[in-house]
Protein backbone atom coordinates (compact mmCIF):
# COMPACT_ATOMS: atom_id res chain seq x y z
CA MET A 1 90.32 94.22 95.79
CA ARG A 2 90.16 98.01 95.87
CA ASN A 3 88.92 99.66 92.70
CA ARG A 4 91.17 101.80 90.54
CA ARG A 5 89.71 105.09 91.71
CA GLU A 6 90.54 104.25 95.32
CA VAL A 7 94.07 103.21 94.45
CA VAL A 8 94.76 106.25 92.27
CA LYS A 9 93.55 108.46 95.10
CA ALA A 10 95.88 106.64 97.50
CA LEU A 11 98.85 106.96 95.14
CA ALA A 12 98.27 110.70 94.96
CA GLY A 13 98.40 110.93 98.74
CA LEU A 14 101.46 108.76 99.37
CA ALA A 15 103.66 111.79 99.92
CA LEU A 16 101.77 112.35 103.16
CA THR A 17 102.08 108.79 104.41
CA ALA A 18 105.78 108.65 105.27
CA PRO A 19 105.76 111.78 107.48
CA ALA A 20 102.68 110.45 109.27
CA LEU A 21 104.39 107.13 109.98
CA ALA A 22 107.41 108.94 111.37
CA GLN A 23 105.41 111.30 113.59
CA MET A 24 102.75 109.05 115.10
CA GLY A 25 103.04 106.54 117.89
CA HIS A 26 106.14 107.86 119.68
CA GLY A 27 106.56 107.25 123.39
CA ASN A 28 105.84 104.02 125.22
CA PRO A 29 105.20 100.79 123.31
CA VAL A 30 101.55 100.04 122.66
CA MET A 31 99.61 96.85 122.14
CA ALA A 32 97.50 96.14 119.08
CA GLY A 33 93.93 97.36 119.17
CA SER A 34 92.38 95.33 116.34
CA LYS A 35 89.68 92.88 117.40
CA PRO A 36 89.03 90.30 114.68
CA SER A 37 85.68 88.59 114.94
CA GLY A 38 86.58 85.23 113.35
CA ARG A 39 88.52 82.28 114.72
CA ALA A 40 92.28 82.25 114.38
CA VAL A 41 93.67 80.27 111.46
CA PRO A 42 96.88 78.39 112.37
CA PRO A 43 100.03 79.50 110.50
CA LYS A 44 101.08 77.42 107.52
CA PRO A 45 104.52 75.93 106.75
CA ILE A 46 107.05 78.45 105.42
CA PRO A 47 108.50 77.63 101.96
CA TRP A 48 111.98 78.93 102.68
CA GLU A 49 113.75 77.44 99.68
CA ALA A 50 111.40 78.57 96.91
CA GLY A 51 109.12 81.13 98.57
CA THR A 52 108.86 84.69 97.29
CA CYS A 53 107.02 87.74 98.60
CA ALA A 54 103.45 87.97 97.33
CA PHE A 55 103.72 91.77 97.17
CA CYS A 56 107.22 92.63 95.90
CA GLY A 57 108.46 89.28 94.54
CA MET A 58 111.69 89.18 96.57
CA PRO A 59 112.85 85.91 98.19
CA ILE A 60 111.69 85.34 101.75
CA LYS A 61 115.05 83.67 102.50
CA THR A 62 118.23 85.75 102.51
CA PRO A 63 120.05 85.00 99.23
CA GLU A 64 123.50 83.45 99.50
CA GLY A 65 126.25 85.47 97.87
CA SER A 66 125.42 88.39 95.60
CA TRP A 67 121.80 89.04 94.62
CA ARG A 68 120.94 91.77 92.10
CA GLY A 69 124.36 93.28 92.71
CA ARG A 70 124.08 93.33 96.51
CA THR A 71 125.02 91.06 99.38
CA PHE A 72 123.06 90.82 102.63
CA PRO A 73 123.99 89.70 106.16
CA LYS A 74 122.86 86.24 107.21
CA GLY A 75 119.25 86.29 108.37
CA PHE A 76 118.55 89.77 106.97
CA PHE A 77 115.35 88.81 105.10
CA GLU A 78 113.94 86.26 107.52
CA GLN A 79 113.70 88.66 110.48
CA THR A 80 110.71 90.42 108.93
CA TYR A 81 108.97 87.39 107.40
CA SER A 82 105.17 87.70 107.59
CA GLN A 83 102.25 85.52 106.55
CA ILE A 84 98.53 85.63 105.86
CA ALA A 85 97.02 82.19 106.59
CA PHE A 86 93.62 81.37 105.09
CA ALA A 87 90.82 79.24 106.54
CA GLU A 88 90.17 77.85 103.05
CA PRO A 89 92.52 77.73 100.03
CA ARG A 90 92.33 80.70 97.67
CA PRO A 91 93.59 81.34 94.12
CA ALA A 92 97.28 82.22 93.98
CA PRO A 93 98.04 85.90 93.23
CA HIS A 94 99.59 85.32 89.80
CA ASP A 95 98.03 81.96 88.92
CA PRO A 96 94.26 81.70 89.56
CA GLN A 97 94.40 78.01 88.65
CA GLN A 98 96.59 77.31 91.67
CA GLN A 99 95.18 77.26 95.20
CA VAL A 100 97.22 78.45 98.18
CA GLU A 101 96.65 78.08 101.92
CA ALA A 102 98.77 81.11 102.79
CA LEU A 103 100.54 84.12 101.34
CA HIS A 104 104.15 84.80 102.28
CA PHE A 105 105.91 88.16 102.63
CA GLU A 106 109.48 89.22 103.36
CA SER A 107 108.44 92.53 104.89
CA ILE A 108 105.78 93.53 107.42
CA ALA A 109 104.94 96.50 105.20
CA CYS A 110 104.56 94.20 102.18
CA MET A 111 101.93 92.18 104.04
CA VAL A 112 100.01 95.25 105.19
CA ASN A 113 100.14 96.83 101.74
CA TYR A 114 99.05 93.63 99.97
CA ALA A 115 96.10 93.29 102.34
CA TRP A 116 95.19 96.94 101.79
CA VAL A 117 95.13 96.63 98.00
CA HIS A 118 93.27 93.32 97.92
CA GLY A 119 90.85 93.99 100.77
CA ILE A 120 91.98 91.11 103.01
CA LYS A 121 91.09 91.61 106.68
CA ASP A 122 92.52 89.91 109.73
CA GLY A 123 89.85 87.79 111.41
CA GLU A 124 87.72 87.36 108.28
CA GLU A 125 88.67 83.81 107.23
CA ALA A 126 92.32 84.89 107.45
CA THR A 127 94.89 85.43 110.18
CA PHE A 128 97.96 87.66 109.88
CA TYR A 129 101.28 86.56 111.39
CA VAL A 130 104.64 88.27 111.89
CA THR A 131 108.07 87.14 113.09
CA ASP A 132 108.88 87.87 116.72
CA ARG A 133 112.20 89.70 116.44
CA GLY A 134 112.75 89.33 120.17
CA SER A 135 113.20 85.56 119.93
CA TYR A 136 114.95 85.63 116.55
CA ASP A 137 118.60 84.68 116.07
CA PRO A 138 120.16 85.90 112.78
CA ALA A 139 122.76 83.16 113.11
CA ARG A 140 119.99 80.53 112.84
CA PRO A 141 117.43 82.36 110.69
CA GLN A 142 114.88 79.78 109.56
CA GLU A 143 115.14 77.77 112.79
CA THR A 144 114.32 80.75 115.03
CA VAL A 145 111.48 82.39 113.12
CA ARG A 146 108.64 82.31 115.66
CA LEU A 147 105.33 83.45 114.22
CA ILE A 148 103.01 85.45 116.45
CA PRO A 149 99.57 86.91 115.61
CA ALA A 150 100.09 90.32 114.02
CA ARG A 151 97.16 91.70 116.00
CA SER A 152 98.93 91.15 119.33
CA ALA A 153 102.44 92.28 118.37
CA THR A 154 104.13 95.57 119.22
CA TYR A 155 105.86 97.22 116.25
CA TYR A 156 109.12 99.13 116.40
CA TRP A 157 110.08 101.78 113.84
CA GLY A 158 113.69 102.98 113.65
CA GLU A 159 114.50 105.87 111.35
CA ARG A 160 117.95 104.59 110.35
CA MET A 161 117.32 100.88 110.90
CA MET A 162 117.90 98.85 107.76
CA VAL A 163 115.49 96.01 106.96
CA VAL A 164 114.20 94.69 103.64
CA MET A 165 112.21 97.13 101.49
CA ASN A 166 113.36 100.06 103.67
CA ALA A 167 110.22 99.60 105.76
CA HIS A 168 112.04 100.37 109.07
CA LEU A 169 109.67 98.00 110.92
CA LEU A 170 110.17 95.02 113.24
CA ALA A 171 107.63 93.10 115.34
CA PHE A 172 107.92 92.02 118.97
CA ALA A 173 105.79 89.74 121.13
CA SER A 174 105.60 92.28 123.96
CA PRO A 175 105.98 96.03 124.58
CA LYS A 176 108.81 95.26 127.01
CA ALA A 177 110.82 93.41 124.35
CA ALA A 178 110.28 96.26 121.88
CA GLN A 179 111.39 98.83 124.47
CA GLU A 180 114.53 96.88 125.35
CA PHE A 181 115.46 96.60 121.67
CA ALA A 182 114.87 100.34 121.21
CA GLU A 183 117.07 101.27 124.15
CA LYS A 184 119.85 99.01 122.93
CA ASN A 185 119.80 100.59 119.45
CA ARG A 186 118.93 104.21 120.23
CA ALA A 187 122.24 105.64 119.00
CA GLN A 188 122.26 103.71 115.70
CA HIS A 189 118.60 104.04 114.72
CA GLY A 190 117.90 107.71 115.37
CA ARG A 191 114.23 108.51 115.91
CA GLN A 192 112.24 105.59 117.29
CA HIS A 193 108.51 104.96 117.53
CA PHE A 194 106.14 102.15 118.52
CA TYR A 195 102.90 101.08 116.86
CA SER A 196 100.02 98.69 117.27
CA PHE A 197 98.88 96.57 114.34
CA GLN A 198 95.71 98.63 114.14
CA THR A 199 97.82 101.76 113.69
CA LEU A 200 99.72 100.15 110.81
CA LEU A 201 96.41 99.23 109.18
CA ASP A 202 95.10 102.76 109.68
CA LEU A 203 98.25 104.20 108.05
CA ALA A 204 98.21 101.79 105.09
CA PRO A 205 99.58 101.86 102.50
CA LEU A 206 102.88 101.94 104.38
CA PRO A 207 105.87 103.58 102.67
CA GLU A 208 108.57 101.24 101.44
CA MET A 209 110.84 100.79 98.44
CA ASN A 210 109.15 101.41 95.06
CA LEU A 211 105.76 101.55 96.76
CA VAL A 212 103.87 103.49 94.08
CA ALA A 213 104.82 101.06 91.31
CA LEU A 214 104.00 98.03 93.47
CA LEU A 215 100.59 99.37 94.46
CA ALA A 216 99.83 100.25 90.85
CA LYS A 217 100.83 96.76 89.72
CA HIS A 218 98.58 95.03 92.27
CA ALA A 219 95.73 97.35 91.35
CA GLY A 220 96.05 96.26 87.72
CA LEU A 221 97.40 99.63 86.58
CA LEU A 222 100.75 98.17 85.47
CA GLY A 223 101.69 94.95 83.68
CA GLU A 224 103.30 91.88 85.20
CA GLY A 225 106.66 92.43 83.54
CA MET A 226 107.72 95.49 85.52
CA ASP A 227 111.14 95.69 87.18
CA HIS A 228 110.83 96.35 90.89
CA GLY A 229 114.16 98.09 90.99
CA HIS A 230 115.38 96.50 94.25
């Protein structure tokens, strides 16, 4: 886990992160450049019914009906589901007595930010996975979540695209699939950019809803009872 000095320094510089994310990586889709040294850990089962995001605490499954005063389209949460699978069980984030084989996230940015705060690295007894949006069907959300290694995905950023946590990010199995999605949604999404996983890691912490409070909480600077304000 990063020490408090590192996190405080990062919190002070967050105002610069969002513009950087919007300005970098435009043009043709790019492939990930990270090269993990360890063996890949297979993805673990997804706890759709009871699972919550290890970073922000939101459900990983789209709530039915109204949730915290809002309603969401079918499949809205699942399309950005992400996972960190471990080679060996580790203590759960909020219960050290419990061991977990994986951590679950409802946003790509949540996974990257959690890993940044806690010093987890892809390829070091852990493998990062993201949902391939290209093969995903919102009408059959849990059935069509196909996990692909985060290191090999191409990431699409749309300025006006709405996904959970306002992260504006989706993952695709290939640059071609990301490009086709971008062309189809150019008018609705405004500015569009493409990223490799290594670029996301380099830009971490990634801007998303209530980011400063969430980073401070995971760094131990805030208590467990905070309201995330989603």
